[in-house]
Amino acid sequence: MRFHRTTGLDSEQLRDLVELVRHRVTWSKGRGRPRATGLFKAVVIAVAYLRQNIVQEVLGEYFEVSQSTVSRIIKDLTPVVADVLNEFIPNATEATQGRVVLVDGTLVPCWSWAGHRELYSGKHKTTGHSLQVLANLGGDIVYISQPQVGSMHDVEAFRQTGLAEILDLSNTIGDKGYIGVGVDTPTKKPIGYELAESQKKENSSINSLRAAVERAIAHVKNWRVLHTDYRRPLRTVADTIDAVVGLIFFKLAYE
């Protein structure tokens, strides 16, 4: 049975991922109550959840297991997937060295957990965690940062993730949210004044180049758990994001 539409991985990628996981976990213990699924099916369920962000009851019905089984599989295997795929995630310095880099931030939305006002993004009018995404001029993803709280502005997230020190800022392009950090950005129109024609042309050129990073972010958001409200406990967000980032670069390794 093929699961490409469900998981975003083709047959070879799924098979290789299962083998990586198999070397890290003992799935069938040989004693006690047997697991409800084999390892292959469990990995498919975990990755399908990340890809589709499907309600667990629906995912259970699709794979003919209970909601509680789906919940246990996601809880047990998400950090394992993150761990085994960590080797596929590029180092920011190596990934960007000697190339023009486009940077933009994106929000991973989540439920509005009480007591966590730091997650609220005034820009997006919702709660979540922000990621800094780097792409090349062709729109290929080259790096995705660790998450920051949603209330953090892009320029501050750029600093907090260490990208301001790692990147060649003279070779980095961002939007107006990065003004003041040293990267190339569009010129902001002064209050009460118009931009010169040369500035307008330069802004148009920068914005045209920046379309590539927006395409890269759209590919990131194909993993629906990063695009629609995150429903699992707050403490699991980091593992989930790490797992998805690992899966993104794992897929790119086959291209």
C-alpha atoms as a PDB file:
ATOM      1  CA  MET A   1       0.000   0.000   0.000  1.00  0.00           C
ATOM      2  CA  ARG A   2       1.313   3.463  -0.910  1.00  0.00           C
ATOM      3  CA  PHE A   3       1.247   6.292   1.605  1.00  0.00           C
ATOM      4  CA  HIS A   4       2.822   9.131  -0.394  1.00  0.00           C
ATOM      5  CA  ARG A   5      -0.258  11.352  -0.240  1.00  0.00           C
ATOM      6  CA  THR A   6      -0.740  10.613   3.447  1.00  0.00           C
ATOM      7  CA  THR A   7       2.829  11.024   4.672  1.00  0.00           C
ATOM      8  CA  GLY A   8       4.595  13.079   2.010  1.00  0.00           C
ATOM      9  CA  LEU A   9       7.215  10.300   1.731  1.00  0.00           C
ATOM     10  CA  ASP A  10       7.562   7.858  -1.140  1.00  0.00           C
ATOM     11  CA  SER A  11       7.982   4.112  -0.620  1.00  0.00           C
ATOM     12  CA  GLU A  12      11.784   4.221  -0.542  1.00  0.00           C
ATOM     13  CA  GLN A  13      11.868   7.115   1.906  1.00  0.00           C
ATOM     14  CA  LEU A  14       9.352   5.444   4.217  1.00  0.00           C
ATOM     15  CA  ARG A  15      11.263   2.180   4.143  1.00  0.00           C
ATOM     16  CA  ASP A  16      14.538   3.937   4.945  1.00  0.00           C
ATOM     17  CA  LEU A  17      12.932   5.959   7.751  1.00  0.00           C
ATOM     18  CA  VAL A  18      11.486   2.806   9.323  1.00  0.00           C
ATOM     19  CA  GLU A  19      14.939   1.207   9.280  1.00  0.00           C
ATOM     20  CA  LEU A  20      16.459   4.249  10.991  1.00  0.00           C
ATOM     21  CA  VAL A  21      13.764   4.086  13.663  1.00  0.00           C
ATOM     22  CA  ARG A  22      14.149   0.308  14.021  1.00  0.00           C
ATOM     23  CA  HIS A  23      17.786   0.758  15.029  1.00  0.00           C
ATOM     24  CA  ARG A  24      16.767   3.194  17.768  1.00  0.00           C
ATOM     25  CA  VAL A  25      13.751   1.501  19.384  1.00  0.00           C
ATOM     26  CA  THR A  26      12.717  -2.000  20.459  1.00  0.00           C
ATOM     27  CA  TRP A  27       9.177  -2.070  19.102  1.00  0.00           C
ATOM     28  CA  SER A  28       8.225  -5.722  19.607  1.00  0.00           C
ATOM     29  CA  LYS A  29       9.444  -6.751  23.060  1.00  0.00           C
ATOM     30  CA  GLY A  30       8.446 -10.391  22.727  1.00  0.00           C
ATOM     31  CA  ARG A  31       6.647 -10.467  26.063  1.00  0.00           C
ATOM     32  CA  GLY A  32       3.578  -8.949  27.612  1.00  0.00           C
ATOM     33  CA  ARG A  33       0.745  -7.485  25.620  1.00  0.00           C
ATOM     34  CA  PRO A  34       1.665  -7.142  21.919  1.00  0.00           C
ATOM     35  CA  ARG A  35       1.534  -3.709  20.310  1.00  0.00           C
ATOM     36  CA  ALA A  36      -1.531  -2.843  18.280  1.00  0.00           C
ATOM     37  CA  THR A  37       0.537  -2.262  15.131  1.00  0.00           C
ATOM     38  CA  GLY A  38       3.868  -3.228  13.644  1.00  0.00           C
ATOM     39  CA  LEU A  39       6.653  -0.662  13.438  1.00  0.00           C
ATOM     40  CA  PHE A  40       6.087   0.195   9.772  1.00  0.00           C
ATOM     41  CA  LYS A  41       2.442   1.067  10.333  1.00  0.00           C
ATOM     42  CA  ALA A  42       3.306   2.988  13.500  1.00  0.00           C
ATOM     43  CA  VAL A  43       5.867   5.125  11.655  1.00  0.00           C
ATOM     44  CA  VAL A  44       3.317   5.785   8.905  1.00  0.00           C
ATOM     45  CA  ILE A  45       0.783   6.918  11.513  1.00  0.00           C
ATOM     46  CA  ALA A  46       3.275   9.225  13.236  1.00  0.00           C
ATOM     47  CA  VAL A  47       4.437  10.823   9.974  1.00  0.00           C
ATOM     48  CA  ALA A  48       0.865  11.070   8.645  1.00  0.00           C
ATOM     49  CA  TYR A  49      -0.055  13.044  11.745  1.00  0.00           C
ATOM     50  CA  LEU A  50       2.819  15.458  11.159  1.00  0.00           C
ATOM     51  CA  ARG A  51       1.991  15.793   7.488  1.00  0.00           C
ATOM     52  CA  GLN A  52      -1.768  16.218   7.825  1.00  0.00           C
ATOM     53  CA  ASN A  53      -2.424  17.281  11.458  1.00  0.00           C
ATOM     54  CA  ILE A  54      -5.474  15.033  11.355  1.00  0.00           C
ATOM     55  CA  VAL A  55      -7.658  14.651  14.435  1.00  0.00           C
ATOM     56  CA  GLN A  56      -6.462  11.469  16.142  1.00  0.00           C
ATOM     57  CA  GLU A  57      -9.882   9.785  16.092  1.00  0.00           C
ATOM     58  CA  VAL A  58     -10.004  10.200  12.298  1.00  0.00           C
ATOM     59  CA  LEU A  59      -6.441   8.937  11.909  1.00  0.00           C
ATOM     60  CA  GLY A  60      -7.322   5.918  14.054  1.00  0.00           C
ATOM     61  CA  GLU A  61     -10.382   5.134  11.958  1.00  0.00           C
ATOM     62  CA  TYR A  62      -8.325   5.376   8.759  1.00  0.00           C
ATOM     63  CA  PHE A  63      -5.674   2.957  10.070  1.00  0.00           C
ATOM     64  CA  GLU A  64      -8.165   0.789  11.984  1.00  0.00           C
ATOM     65  CA  VAL A  65      -6.731   1.385  15.441  1.00  0.00           C
ATOM     66  CA  SER A  66      -8.050   3.224  18.497  1.00  0.00           C
ATOM     67  CA  GLN A  67      -7.502   6.909  19.214  1.00  0.00           C
ATOM     68  CA  SER A  68      -5.482   5.979  22.299  1.00  0.00           C
ATOM     69  CA  THR A  69      -3.167   3.832  20.147  1.00  0.00           C
ATOM     70  CA  VAL A  70      -2.657   6.748  17.739  1.00  0.00           C
ATOM     71  CA  SER A  71      -1.902   9.038  20.682  1.00  0.00           C
ATOM     72  CA  ARG A  72       0.684   6.627  22.112  1.00  0.00           C
ATOM     73  CA  ILE A  73       2.350   6.167  18.729  1.00  0.00           C
ATOM     74  CA  ILE A  74       2.650   9.913  18.162  1.00  0.00           C
ATOM     75  CA  LYS A  75       3.959  10.448  21.693  1.00  0.00           C
ATOM     76  CA  ASP A  76       6.491   7.606  21.467  1.00  0.00           C
ATOM     77  CA  LEU A  77       7.747   8.036  17.911  1.00  0.00           C
ATOM     78  CA  THR A  78       7.796  11.798  17.284  1.00  0.00           C
ATOM     79  CA  PRO A  79      10.925  12.379  19.428  1.00  0.00           C
ATOM     80  CA  VAL A  80      12.527   9.266  17.895  1.00  0.00           C
ATOM     81  CA  VAL A  81      11.917  10.574  14.357  1.00  0.00           C
ATOM     82  CA  ALA A  82      13.404  13.910  15.414  1.00  0.00           C
ATOM     83  CA  ASP A  83      16.443  12.138  16.838  1.00  0.00           C
ATOM     84  CA  VAL A  84      17.206   9.800  13.935  1.00  0.00           C
ATOM     85  CA  LEU A  85      16.794  12.563  11.331  1.00  0.00           C
ATOM     86  CA  ASN A  86      18.908  15.138  13.137  1.00  0.00           C
ATOM     87  CA  GLU A  87      21.904  14.132  11.002  1.00  0.00           C
ATOM     88  CA  PHE A  88      20.062  15.343   7.882  1.00  0.00           C
ATOM     89  CA  ILE A  89      19.602  18.888   9.207  1.00  0.00           C
ATOM     90  CA  PRO A  90      22.334  21.137   7.783  1.00  0.00           C
ATOM     91  CA  ASN A  91      24.624  23.356   9.785  1.00  0.00           C
ATOM     92  CA  ALA A  92      23.619  26.982   9.164  1.00  0.00           C
ATOM     93  CA  THR A  93      27.188  28.130   8.463  1.00  0.00           C
ATOM     94  CA  GLU A  94      27.919  25.351   5.961  1.00  0.00           C
ATOM     95  CA  ALA A  95      24.502  25.623   4.297  1.00  0.00           C
ATOM     96  CA  THR A  96      24.821  29.347   3.595  1.00  0.00           C
ATOM     97  CA  GLN A  97      28.534  29.813   2.963  1.00  0.00           C
ATOM     98  CA  GLY A  98      29.303  31.640  -0.295  1.00  0.00           C
ATOM     99  CA  ARG A  99      25.707  32.043  -1.436  1.00  0.00           C
ATOM    100  CA  VAL A 100      23.019  34.707  -1.458  1.00  0.00           C
ATOM    101  CA  VAL A 101      20.495  33.879   1.256  1.00  0.00           C
ATOM    102  CA  LEU A 102      16.874  34.978   1.612  1.00  0.00           C
ATOM    103  CA  VAL A 103      15.413  35.110   5.117  1.00  0.00           C
ATOM    104  CA  ASP A 104      11.855  35.370   6.384  1.00  0.00           C
ATOM    105  CA  GLY A 105       9.920  34.437   9.479  1.00  0.00           C
ATOM    106  CA  THR A 106       6.821  32.292   9.733  1.00  0.00           C
ATOM    107  CA  LEU A 107       4.478  31.421  12.587  1.00  0.00           C
ATOM    108  CA  VAL A 108       3.637  27.883  13.668  1.00  0.00           C
ATOM    109  CA  PRO A 109       0.152  28.441  15.170  1.00  0.00           C
ATOM    110  CA  CYS A 110      -1.037  26.749  18.342  1.00  0.00           C
ATOM    111  CA  TRP A 111      -3.858  26.789  20.836  1.00  0.00           C
ATOM    112  CA  SER A 112      -4.046  29.803  23.136  1.00  0.00           C
ATOM    113  CA  TRP A 113      -2.712  28.128  26.262  1.00  0.00           C
ATOM    114  CA  ALA A 114      -3.614  30.068  29.398  1.00  0.00           C
ATOM    115  CA  GLY A 115      -0.616  31.585  31.117  1.00  0.00           C
ATOM    116  CA  HIS A 116       1.512  31.770  27.960  1.00  0.00           C
ATOM    117  CA  ARG A 117       0.878  35.273  26.655  1.00  0.00           C
ATOM    118  CA  GLU A 118       4.408  35.301  25.230  1.00  0.00           C
ATOM    119  CA  LEU A 119       3.120  33.079  22.422  1.00  0.00           C
ATOM    120  CA  TYR A 120       0.768  35.758  21.070  1.00  0.00           C
ATOM    121  CA  SER A 121       1.908  37.354  17.808  1.00  0.00           C
ATOM    122  CA  GLY A 122       0.501  40.832  17.243  1.00  0.00           C
ATOM    123  CA  LYS A 123       1.489  40.576  13.572  1.00  0.00           C
ATOM    124  CA  HIS A 124      -0.458  37.360  12.994  1.00  0.00           C
ATOM    125  CA  LYS A 125      -3.182  37.986  15.616  1.00  0.00           C
ATOM    126  CA  THR A 126      -2.837  34.479  17.027  1.00  0.00           C
ATOM    127  CA  THR A 127      -0.572  32.391  19.243  1.00  0.00           C
ATOM    128  CA  GLY A 128       2.306  30.231  18.123  1.00  0.00           C
ATOM    129  CA  HIS A 129       6.046  29.818  17.700  1.00  0.00           C
ATOM    130  CA  SER A 130       8.129  31.608  15.086  1.00  0.00           C
ATOM    131  CA  LEU A 131      10.681  30.039  12.764  1.00  0.00           C
ATOM    132  CA  GLN A 132      13.342  31.738  10.682  1.00  0.00           C
ATOM    133  CA  VAL A 133      13.488  30.141   7.227  1.00  0.00           C
ATOM    134  CA  LEU A 134      16.486  30.574   4.923  1.00  0.00           C
ATOM    135  CA  ALA A 135      16.272  29.872   1.188  1.00  0.00           C
ATOM    136  CA  ASN A 136      18.470  30.335  -1.848  1.00  0.00           C
ATOM    137  CA  LEU A 137      17.496  32.378  -4.899  1.00  0.00           C
ATOM    138  CA  GLY A 138      15.882  29.310  -6.450  1.00  0.00           C
ATOM    139  CA  GLY A 139      13.484  28.919  -3.526  1.00  0.00           C
ATOM    140  CA  ASP A 140      15.207  25.851  -2.059  1.00  0.00           C
ATOM    141  CA  ILE A 141      15.120  25.590   1.732  1.00  0.00           C
ATOM    142  CA  VAL A 142      18.664  25.730   3.114  1.00  0.00           C
ATOM    143  CA  TYR A 143      18.037  26.151   6.855  1.00  0.00           C
ATOM    144  CA  ILE A 144      15.201  26.360   9.412  1.00  0.00           C
ATOM    145  CA  SER A 145      15.899  27.807  12.853  1.00  0.00           C
ATOM    146  CA  GLN A 146      14.904  26.583  16.266  1.00  0.00           C
ATOM    147  CA  PRO A 147      11.489  27.991  17.318  1.00  0.00           C
ATOM    148  CA  GLN A 148      11.087  31.241  19.238  1.00  0.00           C
ATOM    149  CA  VAL A 149       7.988  32.533  21.033  1.00  0.00           C
ATOM    150  CA  GLY A 150       5.370  34.042  18.758  1.00  0.00           C
ATOM    151  CA  SER A 151       5.559  37.509  20.310  1.00  0.00           C
ATOM    152  CA  MET A 152       9.176  37.913  19.188  1.00  0.00           C
ATOM    153  CA  HIS A 153       9.639  40.163  16.160  1.00  0.00           C
ATOM    154  CA  ASP A 154      11.553  38.759  13.189  1.00  0.00           C
ATOM    155  CA  VAL A 155      14.573  40.978  13.732  1.00  0.00           C
ATOM    156  CA  GLU A 156      14.897  39.843  17.357  1.00  0.00           C
ATOM    157  CA  ALA A 157      14.341  36.181  16.404  1.00  0.00           C
ATOM    158  CA  PHE A 158      17.076  36.638  13.797  1.00  0.00           C
ATOM    159  CA  ARG A 159      19.416  37.696  16.579  1.00  0.00           C
ATOM    160  CA  GLN A 160      18.271  35.157  19.173  1.00  0.00           C
ATOM    161  CA  THR A 161      18.738  32.204  16.812  1.00  0.00           C
ATOM    162  CA  GLY A 162      22.338  33.292  16.203  1.00  0.00           C
ATOM    163  CA  LEU A 163      21.766  33.926  12.494  1.00  0.00           C
ATOM    164  CA  ALA A 164      22.896  37.545  12.807  1.00  0.00           C
ATOM    165  CA  GLU A 165      26.367  36.274  13.756  1.00  0.00           C
ATOM    166  CA  ILE A 166      26.468  33.252  11.434  1.00  0.00           C
ATOM    167  CA  LEU A 167      25.374  34.761   8.120  1.00  0.00           C
ATOM    168  CA  ASP A 168      27.231  37.049   5.769  1.00  0.00           C
ATOM    169  CA  LEU A 169      24.789  39.924   6.217  1.00  0.00           C
ATOM    170  CA  SER A 170      25.974  41.683   3.051  1.00  0.00           C
ATOM    171  CA  ASN A 171      24.833  38.573   1.150  1.00  0.00           C
ATOM    172  CA  THR A 172      21.468  38.228   2.953  1.00  0.00           C
ATOM    173  CA  ILE A 173      18.115  39.671   1.854  1.00  0.00           C
ATOM    174  CA  GLY A 174      15.086  40.198   4.079  1.00  0.00           C
ATOM    175  CA  ASP A 175      11.867  42.200   4.216  1.00  0.00           C
ATOM    176  CA  LYS A 176      11.296  45.417   6.165  1.00  0.00           C
ATOM    177  CA  GLY A 177      10.988  43.418   9.379  1.00  0.00           C
ATOM    178  CA  TYR A 178      14.786  43.039   9.294  1.00  0.00           C
ATOM    179  CA  ILE A 179      15.639  46.725   8.973  1.00  0.00           C
ATOM    180  CA  GLY A 180      18.459  47.602  11.356  1.00  0.00           C
ATOM    181  CA  VAL A 181      20.075  44.167  11.579  1.00  0.00           C
ATOM    182  CA  GLY A 182      22.431  44.658   8.630  1.00  0.00           C
ATOM    183  CA  VAL A 183      20.797  42.619   5.845  1.00  0.00           C
ATOM    184  CA  ASP A 184      19.642  44.063   2.529  1.00  0.00           C
ATOM    185  CA  THR A 185      16.019  45.189   2.893  1.00  0.00           C
ATOM    186  CA  PRO A 186      13.582  47.398   0.994  1.00  0.00           C
ATOM    187  CA  THR A 187      13.844  51.084   1.866  1.00  0.00           C
ATOM    188  CA  LYS A 188      11.092  52.242   4.190  1.00  0.00           C
ATOM    189  CA  LYS A 189       9.137  55.274   3.011  1.00  0.00           C
ATOM    190  CA  PRO A 190       9.743  58.246   5.321  1.00  0.00           C
ATOM    191  CA  ILE A 191       6.629  59.707   6.948  1.00  0.00           C
ATOM    192  CA  GLY A 192       5.356  62.556   4.804  1.00  0.00           C
ATOM    193  CA  TYR A 193       7.755  61.880   1.924  1.00  0.00           C
ATOM    194  CA  GLU A 194       7.895  59.746  -1.202  1.00  0.00           C
ATOM    195  CA  LEU A 195      10.703  57.410  -2.168  1.00  0.00           C
ATOM    196  CA  ALA A 196      12.970  58.373  -5.040  1.00  0.00           C
ATOM    197  CA  GLU A 197      12.467  56.461  -8.292  1.00  0.00           C
ATOM    198  CA  SER A 198      15.801  54.680  -7.790  1.00  0.00           C
ATOM    199  CA  GLN A 199      14.657  53.534  -4.335  1.00  0.00           C
ATOM    200  CA  LYS A 200      11.345  52.293  -5.727  1.00  0.00           C
ATOM    201  CA  LYS A 201      13.166  50.275  -8.386  1.00  0.00           C
ATOM    202  CA  GLU A 202      15.524  48.811  -5.799  1.00  0.00           C
ATOM    203  CA  ASN A 203      12.587  47.885  -3.559  1.00  0.00           C
ATOM    204  CA  SER A 204      10.855  46.213  -6.486  1.00  0.00           C
ATOM    205  CA  SER A 205      14.002  44.232  -7.263  1.00  0.00           C
ATOM    206  CA  ILE A 206      14.408  43.070  -3.648  1.00  0.00           C
ATOM    207  CA  ASN A 207      10.746  42.097  -3.370  1.00  0.00           C
ATOM    208  CA  SER A 208      11.006  40.126  -6.616  1.00  0.00           C
ATOM    209  CA  LEU A 209      13.940  38.148  -5.215  1.00  0.00           C
ATOM    210  CA  ARG A 210      12.134  37.603  -1.914  1.00  0.00           C
ATOM    211  CA  ALA A 211       9.330  35.703  -3.637  1.00  0.00           C
ATOM    212  CA  ALA A 212      11.625  32.663  -3.543  1.00  0.00           C
ATOM    213  CA  VAL A 213      11.703  32.477   0.265  1.00  0.00           C
ATOM    214  CA  GLU A 214       7.919  32.765   0.340  1.00  0.00           C
ATOM    215  CA  ARG A 215       7.750  29.690  -1.907  1.00  0.00           C
ATOM    216  CA  ALA A 216      10.147  27.923   0.458  1.00  0.00           C
ATOM    217  CA  ILE A 217       7.889  28.717   3.420  1.00  0.00           C
ATOM    218  CA  ALA A 218       4.913  27.363   1.484  1.00  0.00           C
ATOM    219  CA  HIS A 219       6.785  24.046   1.181  1.00  0.00           C
ATOM    220  CA  VAL A 220       7.462  24.080   4.934  1.00  0.00           C
ATOM    221  CA  LYS A 221       3.763  24.621   5.579  1.00  0.00           C
ATOM    222  CA  ASN A 222       2.898  21.567   3.473  1.00  0.00           C
ATOM    223  CA  TRP A 223       3.522  19.840   6.793  1.00  0.00           C
ATOM    224  CA  ARG A 224       0.121  20.774   8.173  1.00  0.00           C
ATOM    225  CA  VAL A 225       1.128  20.426  11.811  1.00  0.00           C
ATOM    226  CA  LEU A 226       3.174  23.611  11.213  1.00  0.00           C
ATOM    227  CA  HIS A 227       0.328  25.326   9.362  1.00  0.00           C
ATOM    228  CA  THR A 228      -2.786  24.650  11.443  1.00  0.00           C
ATOM    229  CA  ASP A 229      -3.358  24.894  15.187  1.00  0.00           C
ATOM    230  CA  TYR A 230      -1.111  22.613  17.211  1.00  0.00           C
ATOM    231  CA  ARG A 231      -3.309  20.611  19.594  1.00  0.00           C
ATOM    232  CA  ARG A 232      -0.892  18.457  21.585  1.00  0.00           C
ATOM    233  CA  PRO A 233       0.622  19.558  24.952  1.00  0.00           C
ATOM    234  CA  LEU A 234       2.890  22.602  24.833  1.00  0.00           C
ATOM    235  CA  ARG A 235       5.876  20.585  26.062  1.00  0.00           C
ATOM    236  CA  THR A 236       5.789  18.505  22.868  1.00  0.00           C
ATOM    237  CA  VAL A 237       6.084  21.409  20.416  1.00  0.00           C
ATOM    238  CA  ALA A 238       9.890  21.396  20.201  1.00  0.00           C
ATOM    239  CA  ASP A 239      10.083  17.666  19.393  1.00  0.00           C
ATOM    240  CA  THR A 240       7.353  18.040  16.792  1.00  0.00           C
ATOM    241  CA  ILE A 241       9.078  20.923  15.027  1.00  0.00           C
ATOM    242  CA  ASP A 242      12.418  19.082  15.156  1.00  0.00           C
ATOM    243  CA  ALA A 243      10.778  16.011  13.625  1.00  0.00           C
ATOM    244  CA  VAL A 244       9.212  17.985  10.779  1.00  0.00           C
ATOM    245  CA  VAL A 245      12.431  19.898  10.040  1.00  0.00           C
ATOM    246  CA  GLY A 246      14.252  16.572   9.981  1.00  0.00           C
ATOM    247  CA  LEU A 247      11.674  15.141   7.583  1.00  0.00           C
ATOM    248  CA  ILE A 248      11.975  18.159   5.273  1.00  0.00           C
ATOM    249  CA  PHE A 249      15.734  17.743   4.900  1.00  0.00           C
ATOM    250  CA  PHE A 250      15.454  13.946   4.838  1.00  0.00           C
ATOM    251  CA  LYS A 251      13.240  14.277   1.735  1.00  0.00           C
ATOM    252  CA  LEU A 252      15.644  16.794   0.173  1.00  0.00           C
ATOM    253  CA  ALA A 253      18.483  14.264   0.540  1.00  0.00           C
ATOM    254  CA  TYR A 254      16.762  12.124  -2.115  1.00  0.00           C
ATOM    255  CA  GLU A 255      16.612  14.897  -4.718  1.00  0.00           C
END
